[in-house]
PDB file of N, CA and C in Angstrom:
ATOM      1  N   UNK A   1      -2.801  -1.973   6.539  1.00  0.00           N
ATOM      2  CA  UNK A   1      -2.511  -1.250   7.752  1.00  0.00           C
ATOM      3  C   UNK A   1      -2.323   0.227   7.466  1.00  0.00           C
ATOM      4  N   UNK A   2      -1.601   0.572   6.409  1.00  0.00           N
ATOM      5  CA  UNK A   2      -1.376   1.982   6.088  1.00  0.00           C
ATOM      6  C   UNK A   2      -2.693   2.679   5.799  1.00  0.00           C
ATOM      7  N   UNK A   3      -3.600   1.991   5.074  1.00  0.00           N
ATOM      8  CA  UNK A   3      -4.901   2.595   4.780  1.00  0.00           C
ATOM      9  C   UNK A   3      -5.664   2.857   6.070  1.00  0.00           C
ATOM     10  N   UNK A   4      -5.616   1.904   6.991  1.00  0.00           N
ATOM     11  CA  UNK A   4      -6.310   2.053   8.269  1.00  0.00           C
ATOM     12  C   UNK A   4      -5.744   3.238   9.055  1.00  0.00           C
ATOM     13  N   UNK A   5      -4.436   3.395   9.055  1.00  0.00           N
ATOM     14  CA  UNK A   5      -3.789   4.508   9.756  1.00  0.00           C
ATOM     15  C   UNK A   5      -4.191   5.837   9.124  1.00  0.00           C
ATOM     16  N   UNK A   6      -4.186   5.892   7.802  1.00  0.00           N
ATOM     17  CA  UNK A   6      -4.533   7.131   7.108  1.00  0.00           C
ATOM     18  C   UNK A   6      -5.983   7.505   7.379  1.00  0.00           C
ATOM     19  N   UNK A   7      -6.890   6.537   7.293  1.00  0.00           N
ATOM     20  CA  UNK A   7      -8.304   6.820   7.558  1.00  0.00           C
ATOM     21  C   UNK A   7      -8.488   7.304   8.988  1.00  0.00           C
ATOM     22  N   UNK A   8      -7.825   6.666   9.944  1.00  0.00           N
ATOM     23  CA  UNK A   8      -7.939   7.090  11.342  1.00  0.00           C
ATOM     24  C   UNK A   8      -7.389   8.504  11.523  1.00  0.00           C
ATOM     25  N   UNK A   9      -6.277   8.799  10.892  1.00  0.00           N
ATOM     26  CA  UNK A   9      -5.687  10.134  10.983  1.00  0.00           C
ATOM     27  C   UNK A   9      -6.649  11.178  10.419  1.00  0.00           C
ATOM     28  N   UNK A  10      -7.218  10.904   9.225  1.00  0.00           N
ATOM     29  CA  UNK A  10      -8.175  11.834   8.627  1.00  0.00           C
ATOM     30  C   UNK A  10      -9.396  12.007   9.517  1.00  0.00           C
ATOM     31  N   UNK A  11      -9.882  10.910  10.077  1.00  0.00           N
ATOM     32  CA  UNK A  11     -11.037  10.972  10.976  1.00  0.00           C
ATOM     33  C   UNK A  11     -10.737  11.872  12.172  1.00  0.00           C
ATOM     34  N   UNK A  12      -9.558  11.725  12.766  1.00  0.00           N
ATOM     35  CA  UNK A  12      -9.167  12.555  13.908  1.00  0.00           C
ATOM     36  C   UNK A  12      -9.077  14.028  13.528  1.00  0.00           C
ATOM     37  N   UNK A  13      -8.528  14.315  12.347  1.00  0.00           N
ATOM     38  CA  UNK A  13      -8.421  15.700  11.909  1.00  0.00           C
ATOM     39  C   UNK A  13      -9.803  16.310  11.701  1.00  0.00           C
ATOM     40  N   UNK A  14     -10.712  15.546  11.094  1.00  0.00           N
ATOM     41  CA  UNK A  14     -12.068  16.043  10.874  1.00  0.00           C
ATOM     42  C   UNK A  14     -12.818  16.215  12.193  1.00  0.00           C
ATOM     43  N   UNK A  15     -12.540  15.341  13.168  1.00  0.00           N
ATOM     44  CA  UNK A  15     -13.175  15.461  14.478  1.00  0.00           C
ATOM     45  C   UNK A  15     -12.762  16.753  15.176  1.00  0.00           C
ATOM     46  N   UNK A  16     -11.608  17.288  14.826  1.00  0.00           N
ATOM     47  CA  UNK A  16     -11.150  18.552  15.397  1.00  0.00           C
ATOM     48  C   UNK A  16     -11.712  19.743  14.624  1.00  0.00           C
ATOM     49  N   UNK A  17     -12.756  19.479  13.820  1.00  0.00           N
ATOM     50  CA  UNK A  17     -13.465  20.509  13.049  1.00  0.00           C
ATOM     51  C   UNK A  17     -12.601  21.199  11.996  1.00  0.00           C
ATOM     52  N   UNK A  18     -11.605  20.515  11.503  1.00  0.00           N
ATOM     53  CA  UNK A  18     -10.835  21.054  10.385  1.00  0.00           C
ATOM     54  C   UNK A  18     -11.632  20.816   9.106  1.00  0.00           C
ATOM     55  N   UNK A  19     -11.591  21.751   8.191  1.00  0.00           N
ATOM     56  CA  UNK A  19     -12.315  21.561   6.944  1.00  0.00           C
ATOM     57  C   UNK A  19     -11.598  20.519   6.101  1.00  0.00           C
ATOM     58  N   UNK A  20     -12.299  19.954   5.130  1.00  0.00           N
ATOM     59  CA  UNK A  20     -11.692  18.953   4.252  1.00  0.00           C
ATOM     60  C   UNK A  20     -10.482  19.531   3.518  1.00  0.00           C
ATOM     61  N   UNK A  21     -10.562  20.799   3.098  1.00  0.00           N
ATOM     62  CA  UNK A  21      -9.422  21.423   2.407  1.00  0.00           C
ATOM     63  C   UNK A  21      -8.204  21.457   3.315  1.00  0.00           C
ATOM     64  N   UNK A  22      -8.391  21.779   4.587  1.00  0.00           N
ATOM     65  CA  UNK A  22      -7.267  21.816   5.529  1.00  0.00           C
ATOM     66  C   UNK A  22      -6.694  20.431   5.765  1.00  0.00           C
ATOM     67  N   UNK A  23      -7.568  19.422   5.826  1.00  0.00           N
ATOM     68  CA  UNK A  23      -7.097  18.047   6.019  1.00  0.00           C
ATOM     69  C   UNK A  23      -6.222  17.623   4.857  1.00  0.00           C
ATOM     70  N   UNK A  24      -6.655  17.893   3.622  1.00  0.00           N
ATOM     71  CA  UNK A  24      -5.862  17.507   2.464  1.00  0.00           C
ATOM     72  C   UNK A  24      -4.562  18.302   2.407  1.00  0.00           C
ATOM     73  N   UNK A  25      -4.577  19.570   2.817  1.00  0.00           N
ATOM     74  CA  UNK A  25      -3.364  20.377   2.862  1.00  0.00           C
ATOM     75  C   UNK A  25      -2.370  19.776   3.857  1.00  0.00           C
ATOM     76  N   UNK A  26      -2.863  19.304   5.008  1.00  0.00           N
ATOM     77  CA  UNK A  26      -1.983  18.681   5.993  1.00  0.00           C
ATOM     78  C   UNK A  26      -1.272  17.471   5.397  1.00  0.00           C
ATOM     79  N   UNK A  27      -1.978  16.698   4.577  1.00  0.00           N
ATOM     80  CA  UNK A  27      -1.377  15.527   3.952  1.00  0.00           C
ATOM     81  C   UNK A  27      -0.228  15.872   3.034  1.00  0.00           C
ATOM     82  N   UNK A  28      -0.260  17.063   2.452  1.00  0.00           N
ATOM     83  CA  UNK A  28       0.830  17.501   1.570  1.00  0.00           C
ATOM     84  C   UNK A  28       2.054  17.947   2.351  1.00  0.00           C
ATOM     85  N   UNK A  29       1.911  18.165   3.654  1.00  0.00           N
ATOM     86  CA  UNK A  29       3.003  18.675   4.470  1.00  0.00           C
ATOM     87  C   UNK A  29       3.836  17.584   5.140  1.00  0.00           C
ATOM     88  N   UNK A  30       3.591  16.302   4.802  1.00  0.00           N
ATOM     89  CA  UNK A  30       4.356  15.214   5.400  1.00  0.00           C
ATOM     90  C   UNK A  30       5.805  15.333   4.939  1.00  0.00           C
ATOM     91  N   UNK A  31       6.764  15.432   5.879  1.00  0.00           N
ATOM     92  CA  UNK A  31       8.161  15.610   5.471  1.00  0.00           C
ATOM     93  C   UNK A  31       8.733  14.354   4.824  1.00  0.00           C
ATOM     94  N   UNK A  32       9.594  14.556   3.858  1.00  0.00           N
ATOM     95  CA  UNK A  32      10.336  13.460   3.211  1.00  0.00           C
ATOM     96  C   UNK A  32       9.423  12.417   2.585  1.00  0.00           C
ATOM     97  N   UNK A  33       8.242  12.789   2.129  1.00  0.00           N
ATOM     98  CA  UNK A  33       7.316  11.811   1.561  1.00  0.00           C
ATOM     99  C   UNK A  33       7.660  11.560   0.102  1.00  0.00           C
ATOM    100  N   UNK A  34       8.678  10.761  -0.125  1.00  0.00           N
ATOM    101  CA  UNK A  34       9.068  10.454  -1.494  1.00  0.00           C
ATOM    102  C   UNK A  34       9.285   8.949  -1.628  1.00  0.00           C
ATOM    103  N   UNK A  35       8.972   8.443  -2.807  1.00  0.00           N
ATOM    104  CA  UNK A  35       9.147   7.021  -3.055  1.00  0.00           C
ATOM    105  C   UNK A  35      10.624   6.715  -3.263  1.00  0.00           C
ATOM    106  N   UNK A  36      11.040   5.552  -2.807  1.00  0.00           N
ATOM    107  CA  UNK A  36      12.424   5.125  -2.993  1.00  0.00           C
ATOM    108  C   UNK A  36      12.488   4.230  -4.221  1.00  0.00           C
ATOM    109  N   UNK A  37      13.656   3.722  -4.539  1.00  0.00           N
ATOM    110  CA  UNK A  37      13.841   2.930  -5.744  1.00  0.00           C
ATOM    111  C   UNK A  37      13.169   1.558  -5.649  1.00  0.00           C
ATOM    112  N   UNK A  38      12.888   0.983  -6.828  1.00  0.00           N
ATOM    113  CA  UNK A  38      12.301  -0.346  -6.909  1.00  0.00           C
ATOM    114  C   UNK A  38      13.326  -1.406  -6.515  1.00  0.00           C
ATOM    115  N   UNK A  39      12.825  -2.540  -6.029  1.00  0.00           N
ATOM    116  CA  UNK A  39      13.687  -3.671  -5.692  1.00  0.00           C
ATOM    117  C   UNK A  39      13.471  -4.770  -6.716  1.00  0.00           C
ATOM    118  N   UNK A  40      14.558  -5.387  -7.166  1.00  0.00           N
ATOM    119  CA  UNK A  40      14.442  -6.490  -8.111  1.00  0.00           C
ATOM    120  C   UNK A  40      14.658  -7.815  -7.389  1.00  0.00           C
ATOM    121  N   UNK A  41      14.125  -8.861  -7.991  1.00  0.00           N
ATOM    122  CA  UNK A  41      14.194 -10.209  -7.442  1.00  0.00           C
ATOM    123  C   UNK A  41      14.641 -11.135  -8.567  1.00  0.00           C
ATOM    124  N   UNK A  42      15.402 -12.161  -8.248  1.00  0.00           N
ATOM    125  CA  UNK A  42      15.805 -13.173  -9.224  1.00  0.00           C
ATOM    126  C   UNK A  42      14.551 -13.913  -9.679  1.00  0.00           C
ATOM    127  N   UNK A  43      14.202 -13.811 -10.954  1.00  0.00           N
ATOM    128  CA  UNK A  43      12.990 -14.439 -11.486  1.00  0.00           C
ATOM    129  C   UNK A  43      12.981 -15.957 -11.287  1.00  0.00           C
ATOM    130  N   UNK A  44      14.142 -16.565 -11.196  1.00  0.00           N
ATOM    131  CA  UNK A  44      14.230 -18.008 -10.995  1.00  0.00           C
ATOM    132  C   UNK A  44      13.839 -18.440  -9.582  1.00  0.00           C
ATOM    133  N   UNK A  45      13.690 -17.499  -8.673  1.00  0.00           N
ATOM    134  CA  UNK A  45      13.377 -17.832  -7.286  1.00  0.00           C
ATOM    135  C   UNK A  45      11.936 -17.509  -6.890  1.00  0.00           C
ATOM    136  N   UNK A  46      11.088 -17.168  -7.862  1.00  0.00           N
ATOM    137  CA  UNK A  46       9.706 -16.803  -7.552  1.00  0.00           C
ATOM    138  C   UNK A  46       8.958 -17.910  -6.810  1.00  0.00           C
ATOM    139  N   UNK A  47       9.207 -19.149  -7.184  1.00  0.00           N
ATOM    140  CA  UNK A  47       8.503 -20.280  -6.552  1.00  0.00           C
ATOM    141  C   UNK A  47       8.860 -20.426  -5.078  1.00  0.00           C
ATOM    142  N   UNK A  48       9.960 -19.835  -4.649  1.00  0.00           N
ATOM    143  CA  UNK A  48      10.411 -19.977  -3.267  1.00  0.00           C
ATOM    144  C   UNK A  48      10.059 -18.779  -2.387  1.00  0.00           C
ATOM    145  N   UNK A  49       9.445 -17.752  -2.978  1.00  0.00           N
ATOM    146  CA  UNK A  49       9.078 -16.575  -2.195  1.00  0.00           C
ATOM    147  C   UNK A  49       7.822 -16.854  -1.365  1.00  0.00           C
ATOM    148  N   UNK A  50       7.726 -16.261  -0.195  1.00  0.00           N
ATOM    149  CA  UNK A  50       6.598 -16.554   0.697  1.00  0.00           C
ATOM    150  C   UNK A  50       5.316 -15.833   0.293  1.00  0.00           C
ATOM    151  N   UNK A  51       4.202 -16.342   0.807  1.00  0.00           N
ATOM    152  CA  UNK A  51       2.944 -15.617   0.759  1.00  0.00           C
ATOM    153  C   UNK A  51       3.023 -14.575   1.863  1.00  0.00           C
ATOM    154  N   UNK A  52       2.651 -13.357   1.546  1.00  0.00           N
ATOM    155  CA  UNK A  52       2.695 -12.265   2.522  1.00  0.00           C
ATOM    156  C   UNK A  52       1.269 -11.906   2.890  1.00  0.00           C
ATOM    157  N   UNK A  53       1.033 -11.694   4.173  1.00  0.00           N
ATOM    158  CA  UNK A  53      -0.327 -11.345   4.585  1.00  0.00           C
ATOM    159  C   UNK A  53      -0.343 -10.035   5.357  1.00  0.00           C
ATOM    160  N   UNK A  54      -1.457  -9.331   5.220  1.00  0.00           N
ATOM    161  CA  UNK A  54      -1.709  -8.075   5.913  1.00  0.00           C
ATOM    162  C   UNK A  54      -3.007  -8.246   6.683  1.00  0.00           C
ATOM    163  N   UNK A  55      -3.045  -7.760   7.897  1.00  0.00           N
ATOM    164  CA  UNK A  55      -4.270  -7.808   8.682  1.00  0.00           C
ATOM    165  C   UNK A  55      -4.817  -6.397   8.789  1.00  0.00           C
ATOM    166  N   UNK A  56      -6.023  -6.218   8.283  1.00  0.00           N
ATOM    167  CA  UNK A  56      -6.699  -4.917   8.316  1.00  0.00           C
ATOM    168  C   UNK A  56      -8.068  -5.141   8.938  1.00  0.00           C
ATOM    169  N   UNK A  57      -8.346  -4.436  10.013  1.00  0.00           N
ATOM    170  CA  UNK A  57      -9.641  -4.578  10.673  1.00  0.00           C
ATOM    171  C   UNK A  57      -9.915  -5.990  11.143  1.00  0.00           C
ATOM    172  N   UNK A  58      -8.861  -6.709  11.537  1.00  0.00           N
ATOM    173  CA  UNK A  58      -9.021  -8.074  12.034  1.00  0.00           C
ATOM    174  C   UNK A  58      -9.136  -9.137  10.946  1.00  0.00           C
ATOM    175  N   UNK A  59      -9.127  -8.764   9.673  1.00  0.00           N
ATOM    176  CA  UNK A  59      -9.223  -9.731   8.574  1.00  0.00           C
ATOM    177  C   UNK A  59      -7.871  -9.809   7.868  1.00  0.00           C
ATOM    178  N   UNK A  60      -7.478 -11.022   7.534  1.00  0.00           N
ATOM    179  CA  UNK A  60      -6.196 -11.247   6.877  1.00  0.00           C
ATOM    180  C   UNK A  60      -6.357 -11.233   5.360  1.00  0.00           C
ATOM    181  N   UNK A  61      -5.452 -10.519   4.695  1.00  0.00           N
ATOM    182  CA  UNK A  61      -5.422 -10.438   3.237  1.00  0.00           C
ATOM    183  C   UNK A  61      -4.069 -10.956   2.782  1.00  0.00           C
ATOM    184  N   UNK A  62      -4.082 -12.018   1.959  1.00  0.00           N
ATOM    185  CA  UNK A  62      -2.838 -12.658   1.532  1.00  0.00           C
ATOM    186  C   UNK A  62      -2.486 -12.290   0.093  1.00  0.00           C
ATOM    187  N   UNK A  63      -1.179 -12.173  -0.143  1.00  0.00           N
ATOM    188  CA  UNK A  63      -0.654 -11.951  -1.487  1.00  0.00           C
ATOM    189  C   UNK A  63       0.432 -12.985  -1.751  1.00  0.00           C
ATOM    190  N   UNK A  64       0.309 -13.714  -2.853  1.00  0.00           N
ATOM    191  CA  UNK A  64       1.347 -14.667  -3.247  1.00  0.00           C
ATOM    192  C   UNK A  64       2.431 -13.917  -4.017  1.00  0.00           C
ATOM    193  N   UNK A  65       3.551 -14.589  -4.259  1.00  0.00           N
ATOM    194  CA  UNK A  65       4.632 -13.977  -5.037  1.00  0.00           C
ATOM    195  C   UNK A  65       4.129 -13.553  -6.412  1.00  0.00           C
ATOM    196  N   UNK A  66       3.214 -14.324  -6.991  1.00  0.00           N
ATOM    197  CA  UNK A  66       2.651 -13.954  -8.292  1.00  0.00           C
ATOM    198  C   UNK A  66       1.848 -12.665  -8.213  1.00  0.00           C
ATOM    199  N   UNK A  67       1.334 -12.335  -7.022  1.00  0.00           N
ATOM    200  CA  UNK A  67       0.594 -11.085  -6.825  1.00  0.00           C
ATOM    201  C   UNK A  67       1.530  -9.899  -6.645  1.00  0.00           C
ATOM    202  N   UNK A  68       2.605 -10.076  -5.866  1.00  0.00           N
ATOM    203  CA  UNK A  68       3.420  -8.917  -5.497  1.00  0.00           C
ATOM    204  C   UNK A  68       4.730  -8.760  -6.267  1.00  0.00           C
ATOM    205  N   UNK A  69       5.036  -9.702  -7.161  1.00  0.00           N
ATOM    206  CA  UNK A  69       6.215  -9.558  -8.028  1.00  0.00           C
ATOM    207  C   UNK A  69       5.733  -9.338  -9.457  1.00  0.00           C
ATOM    208  N   UNK A  70       6.239  -8.300 -10.083  1.00  0.00           N
ATOM    209  CA  UNK A  70       5.854  -7.961 -11.448  1.00  0.00           C
ATOM    210  C   UNK A  70       6.958  -8.412 -12.400  1.00  0.00           C
ATOM    211  N   UNK A  71       6.600  -9.276 -13.346  1.00  0.00           N
ATOM    212  CA  UNK A  71       7.577  -9.783 -14.307  1.00  0.00           C
ATOM    213  C   UNK A  71       7.489  -8.954 -15.576  1.00  0.00           C
ATOM    214  N   UNK A  72       8.616  -8.335 -15.928  1.00  0.00           N
ATOM    215  CA  UNK A  72       8.681  -7.463 -17.098  1.00  0.00           C
ATOM    216  C   UNK A  72       9.593  -8.113 -18.120  1.00  0.00           C
ATOM    217  N   UNK A  73       9.070  -8.364 -19.305  1.00  0.00           N
ATOM    218  CA  UNK A  73       9.860  -8.987 -20.357  1.00  0.00           C
ATOM    219  C   UNK A  73       9.685 -10.494 -20.383  1.00  0.00           C
ATOM    220  N   UNK A  74      10.411 -11.150 -21.292  1.00  0.00           N
ATOM    221  CA  UNK A  74      10.317 -12.596 -21.494  1.00  0.00           C
ATOM    222  C   UNK A  74      11.704 -13.222 -21.534  1.00  0.00           C
ATOM    223  N   UNK A  75      11.762 -14.502 -21.232  1.00  0.00           N
ATOM    224  CA  UNK A  75      12.997 -15.264 -21.359  1.00  0.00           C
ATOM    225  C   UNK A  75      14.121 -14.768 -20.472  1.00  0.00           C
ATOM    226  N   UNK A  76      15.349 -14.862 -21.014  1.00  0.00           N
ATOM    227  CA  UNK A  76      16.543 -14.519 -20.243  1.00  0.00           C
ATOM    228  C   UNK A  76      16.633 -13.027 -19.920  1.00  0.00           C
ATOM    229  N   UNK A  77      15.913 -12.193 -20.671  1.00  0.00           N
ATOM    230  CA  UNK A  77      15.975 -10.747 -20.417  1.00  0.00           C
ATOM    231  C   UNK A  77      14.886 -10.272 -19.455  1.00  0.00           C
ATOM    232  N   UNK A  78      14.052 -11.205 -18.974  1.00  0.00           N
ATOM    233  CA  UNK A  78      12.967 -10.824 -18.055  1.00  0.00           C
ATOM    234  C   UNK A  78      13.533 -10.267 -16.757  1.00  0.00           C
ATOM    235  N   UNK A  79      12.847  -9.295 -16.217  1.00  0.00           N
ATOM    236  CA  UNK A  79      13.235  -8.699 -14.945  1.00  0.00           C
ATOM    237  C   UNK A  79      12.039  -8.796 -14.003  1.00  0.00           C
ATOM    238  N   UNK A  80      12.283  -9.185 -12.768  1.00  0.00           N
ATOM    239  CA  UNK A  80      11.224  -9.307 -11.777  1.00  0.00           C
ATOM    240  C   UNK A  80      11.390  -8.200 -10.737  1.00  0.00           C
ATOM    241  N   UNK A  81      10.334  -7.424 -10.554  1.00  0.00           N
ATOM    242  CA  UNK A  81      10.373  -6.236  -9.699  1.00  0.00           C
ATOM    243  C   UNK A  81       9.350  -6.379  -8.585  1.00  0.00           C
ATOM    244  N   UNK A  82       9.750  -6.028  -7.373  1.00  0.00           N
ATOM    245  CA  UNK A  82       8.817  -6.024  -6.250  1.00  0.00           C
ATOM    246  C   UNK A  82       7.776  -4.941  -6.474  1.00  0.00           C
ATOM    247  N   UNK A  83       6.518  -5.285  -6.248  1.00  0.00           N
ATOM    248  CA  UNK A  83       5.435  -4.319  -6.386  1.00  0.00           C
ATOM    249  C   UNK A  83       5.259  -3.446  -5.160  1.00  0.00           C
ATOM    250  N   UNK A  84       5.976  -3.726  -4.082  1.00  0.00           N
ATOM    251  CA  UNK A  84       5.902  -2.903  -2.880  1.00  0.00           C
ATOM    252  C   UNK A  84       6.872  -1.730  -3.024  1.00  0.00           C
ATOM    253  N   UNK A  85       6.396  -0.543  -2.743  1.00  0.00           N
ATOM    254  CA  UNK A  85       7.229   0.645  -2.888  1.00  0.00           C
ATOM    255  C   UNK A  85       7.445   1.264  -1.508  1.00  0.00           C
ATOM    256  N   UNK A  86       8.699   1.329  -1.043  1.00  0.00           N
ATOM    257  CA  UNK A  86       8.952   1.950   0.259  1.00  0.00           C
ATOM    258  C   UNK A  86       8.854   3.469   0.162  1.00  0.00           C
ATOM    259  N   UNK A  87       8.375   4.087   1.237  1.00  0.00           N
ATOM    260  CA  UNK A  87       8.310   5.546   1.312  1.00  0.00           C
ATOM    261  C   UNK A  87       9.308   6.018   2.350  1.00  0.00           C
ATOM    262  N   UNK A  88      10.058   7.030   2.003  1.00  0.00           N
ATOM    263  CA  UNK A  88      11.069   7.587   2.891  1.00  0.00           C
ATOM    264  C   UNK A  88      10.402   8.600   3.830  1.00  0.00           C
ATOM    265  N   UNK A  89       9.678   8.087   4.820  1.00  0.00           N
ATOM    266  CA  UNK A  89       9.001   8.925   5.805  1.00  0.00           C
ATOM    267  C   UNK A  89       9.564   8.555   7.174  1.00  0.00           C
ATOM    268  N   UNK A  90      10.121   9.532   7.887  1.00  0.00           N
ATOM    269  CA  UNK A  90      10.746   9.235   9.177  1.00  0.00           C
ATOM    270  C   UNK A  90       9.718   8.913  10.260  1.00  0.00           C
ATOM    271  N   UNK A  91      10.150   8.198  11.317  1.00  0.00           N
ATOM    272  CA  UNK A  91       9.263   7.947  12.454  1.00  0.00           C
ATOM    273  C   UNK A  91       8.816   9.275  13.060  1.00  0.00           C
ATOM    274  N   UNK A  92       7.685   9.360  13.677  1.00  0.00           N
ATOM    275  CA  UNK A  92       6.825   8.272  14.101  1.00  0.00           C
ATOM    276  C   UNK A  92       5.825   7.833  13.033  1.00  0.00           C
ATOM    277  N   UNK A  93       5.720   8.564  11.920  1.00  0.00           N
ATOM    278  CA  UNK A  93       4.756   8.191  10.875  1.00  0.00           C
ATOM    279  C   UNK A  93       5.267   7.061   9.991  1.00  0.00           C
ATOM    280  N   UNK A  94       6.561   6.944   9.840  1.00  0.00           N
ATOM    281  CA  UNK A  94       7.133   5.943   8.949  1.00  0.00           C
ATOM    282  C   UNK A  94       7.919   4.919   9.714  1.00  0.00           C
ATOM    283  N   UNK A  95       8.519   3.980   9.035  1.00  0.00           N
ATOM    284  CA  UNK A  95       8.512   3.858   7.578  1.00  0.00           C
ATOM    285  C   UNK A  95       7.170   3.325   7.075  1.00  0.00           C
ATOM    286  N   UNK A  96       6.836   3.674   5.843  1.00  0.00           N
ATOM    287  CA  UNK A  96       5.598   3.221   5.212  1.00  0.00           C
ATOM    288  C   UNK A  96       5.913   2.559   3.882  1.00  0.00           C
ATOM    289  N   UNK A  97       4.988   1.727   3.421  1.00  0.00           N
ATOM    290  CA  UNK A  97       5.111   1.068   2.121  1.00  0.00           C
ATOM    291  C   UNK A  97       3.828   1.321   1.344  1.00  0.00           C
ATOM    292  N   UNK A  98       3.954   1.554   0.056  1.00  0.00           N
ATOM    293  CA  UNK A  98       2.791   1.679  -0.808  1.00  0.00           C
ATOM    294  C   UNK A  98       2.501   0.283  -1.367  1.00  0.00           C
ATOM    295  N   UNK A  99       1.315  -0.218  -1.109  1.00  0.00           N
ATOM    296  CA  UNK A  99       0.935  -1.531  -1.634  1.00  0.00           C
ATOM    297  C   UNK A  99       0.426  -1.402  -3.064  1.00  0.00           C
ATOM    298  N   UNK A 100      -0.233  -0.293  -3.354  1.00  0.00           N
ATOM    299  CA  UNK A 100      -0.627   0.106  -4.690  1.00  0.00           C
ATOM    300  C   UNK A 100      -1.355  -0.992  -5.450  1.00  0.00           C
ATOM    301  N   UNK A 101      -1.046  -1.120  -6.727  1.00  0.00           N
ATOM    302  CA  UNK A 101      -1.804  -2.022  -7.592  1.00  0.00           C
ATOM    303  C   UNK A 101      -1.615  -3.495  -7.252  1.00  0.00           C
ATOM    304  N   UNK A 102      -0.516  -3.887  -6.587  1.00  0.00           N
ATOM    305  CA  UNK A 102      -0.360  -5.309  -6.248  1.00  0.00           C
ATOM    306  C   UNK A 102      -1.440  -5.738  -5.257  1.00  0.00           C
ATOM    307  N   UNK A 103      -1.846  -4.844  -4.391  1.00  0.00           N
ATOM    308  CA  UNK A 103      -2.916  -5.156  -3.433  1.00  0.00           C
ATOM    309  C   UNK A 103      -4.290  -4.960  -4.093  1.00  0.00           C
ATOM    310  N   UNK A 104      -4.455  -3.858  -4.811  1.00  0.00           N
ATOM    311  CA  UNK A 104      -5.767  -3.549  -5.390  1.00  0.00           C
ATOM    312  C   UNK A 104      -6.111  -4.422  -6.594  1.00  0.00           C
ATOM    313  N   UNK A 105      -5.132  -5.074  -7.204  1.00  0.00           N
ATOM    314  CA  UNK A 105      -5.416  -6.029  -8.270  1.00  0.00           C
ATOM    315  C   UNK A 105      -6.067  -7.281  -7.684  1.00  0.00           C
ATOM    316  N   UNK A 106      -5.651  -7.651  -6.491  1.00  0.00           N
ATOM    317  CA  UNK A 106      -6.163  -8.855  -5.826  1.00  0.00           C
ATOM    318  C   UNK A 106      -7.412  -8.558  -4.990  1.00  0.00           C
ATOM    319  N   UNK A 107      -7.459  -7.353  -4.393  1.00  0.00           N
ATOM    320  CA  UNK A 107      -8.576  -6.981  -3.519  1.00  0.00           C
ATOM    321  C   UNK A 107      -9.192  -5.671  -3.986  1.00  0.00           C
ATOM    322  N   UNK A 108     -10.458  -5.757  -4.385  1.00  0.00           N
ATOM    323  CA  UNK A 108     -11.193  -4.556  -4.779  1.00  0.00           C
ATOM    324  C   UNK A 108     -11.233  -3.629  -3.566  1.00  0.00           C
ATOM    325  N   UNK A 109     -10.928  -2.360  -3.764  1.00  0.00           N
ATOM    326  CA  UNK A 109     -10.818  -1.413  -2.659  1.00  0.00           C
ATOM    327  C   UNK A 109     -11.828  -0.293  -2.840  1.00  0.00           C
ATOM    328  N   UNK A 110     -12.578  -0.006  -1.767  1.00  0.00           N
ATOM    329  CA  UNK A 110     -13.564   1.074  -1.779  1.00  0.00           C
ATOM    330  C   UNK A 110     -13.197   2.062  -0.685  1.00  0.00           C
ATOM    331  N   UNK A 111     -13.075   3.332  -1.063  1.00  0.00           N
ATOM    332  CA  UNK A 111     -12.781   4.396  -0.110  1.00  0.00           C
ATOM    333  C   UNK A 111     -14.071   5.170   0.141  1.00  0.00           C
ATOM    334  N   UNK A 112     -14.574   5.101   1.362  1.00  0.00           N
ATOM    335  CA  UNK A 112     -15.796   5.807   1.759  1.00  0.00           C
ATOM    336  C   UNK A 112     -15.390   6.997   2.619  1.00  0.00           C
ATOM    337  N   UNK A 113     -15.075   8.088   1.954  1.00  0.00           N
ATOM    338  CA  UNK A 113     -14.579   9.275   2.651  1.00  0.00           C
ATOM    339  C   UNK A 113     -15.627   9.823   3.620  1.00  0.00           C
ATOM    340  N   UNK A 114     -16.892   9.861   3.199  1.00  0.00           N
ATOM    341  CA  UNK A 114     -17.957  10.412   4.030  1.00  0.00           C
ATOM    342  C   UNK A 114     -18.116   9.719   5.365  1.00  0.00           C
ATOM    343  N   UNK A 115     -17.852   8.411   5.393  1.00  0.00           N
ATOM    344  CA  UNK A 115     -17.972   7.639   6.633  1.00  0.00           C
ATOM    345  C   UNK A 115     -16.616   7.255   7.216  1.00  0.00           C
ATOM    346  N   UNK A 116     -15.542   7.802   6.655  1.00  0.00           N
ATOM    347  CA  UNK A 116     -14.180   7.533   7.122  1.00  0.00           C
ATOM    348  C   UNK A 116     -13.901   6.034   7.200  1.00  0.00           C
ATOM    349  N   UNK A 117     -14.202   5.306   6.092  1.00  0.00           N
ATOM    350  CA  UNK A 117     -13.998   3.859   6.055  1.00  0.00           C
ATOM    351  C   UNK A 117     -13.315   3.456   4.745  1.00  0.00           C
ATOM    352  N   UNK A 118     -12.632   2.333   4.812  1.00  0.00           N
ATOM    353  CA  UNK A 118     -12.063   1.696   3.632  1.00  0.00           C
ATOM    354  C   UNK A 118     -12.547   0.253   3.656  1.00  0.00           C
ATOM    355  N   UNK A 119     -12.986  -0.248   2.504  1.00  0.00           N
ATOM    356  CA  UNK A 119     -13.468  -1.625   2.418  1.00  0.00           C
ATOM    357  C   UNK A 119     -12.723  -2.407   1.370  1.00  0.00           C
ATOM    358  N   UNK A 120     -12.587  -3.715   1.607  1.00  0.00           N
ATOM    359  CA  UNK A 120     -11.876  -4.593   0.679  1.00  0.00           C
ATOM    360  C   UNK A 120     -12.716  -5.835   0.396  1.00  0.00           C
ATOM    361  N   UNK A 121     -12.655  -6.322  -0.837  1.00  0.00           N
ATOM    362  CA  UNK A 121     -13.301  -7.583  -1.219  1.00  0.00           C
ATOM    363  C   UNK A 121     -12.404  -8.244  -2.250  1.00  0.00           C
ATOM    364  N   UNK A 122     -12.359  -9.564  -2.229  1.00  0.00           N
ATOM    365  CA  UNK A 122     -11.526 -10.274  -3.213  1.00  0.00           C
ATOM    366  C   UNK A 122     -12.030  -9.992  -4.619  1.00  0.00           C
ATOM    367  N   UNK A 123     -11.130  -9.567  -5.495  1.00  0.00           N
ATOM    368  CA  UNK A 123     -11.480  -9.267  -6.876  1.00  0.00           C
ATOM    369  C   UNK A 123     -11.683 -10.556  -7.649  1.00  0.00           C
ATOM    370  N   UNK A 124     -12.579 -10.508  -8.596  1.00  0.00           N
ATOM    371  CA  UNK A 124     -12.884 -11.708  -9.400  1.00  0.00           C
ATOM    372  C   UNK A 124     -11.838 -11.950 -10.441  1.00  0.00           C
TER     373      UNK A 124
END
C-alpha cells in the first residue's frame, strides 16, 4: 500500500509538470520522517503469530511469521525482531511502515519510474 501511495504521489507531482529533481526534493521535505525503534517478539511464540497480508492493486500478498520476524542468534540467547519498521510521519501522510527486506525477500519488486508503476512477483 505504501508503495502504491508513493507512486501515485510521484505521478501527481510529475503531472503538474514538476521536474524529476523537484519531485525528489519534495520527498526530502517530509516532516518527521524518521524510523522508530525495532520491536522484539518472544521467539517461543513464533508458531502462534498470524499470517499478515497486504493488498496492492487488488492482489493479496501474504507474509508468514517466518517472513516478517528476523531471528538473530541461536539457542537461549536468540532474539526475534519484527522486520516491519514504523515511520514517525504525522497524518495525513502517516503513520507509515517500511516493509523493506521482509517483503522484498518474499516478493521480487520492480520499480518502473518511467511508467510510474511498481510490480511484484513471488521470489523463487
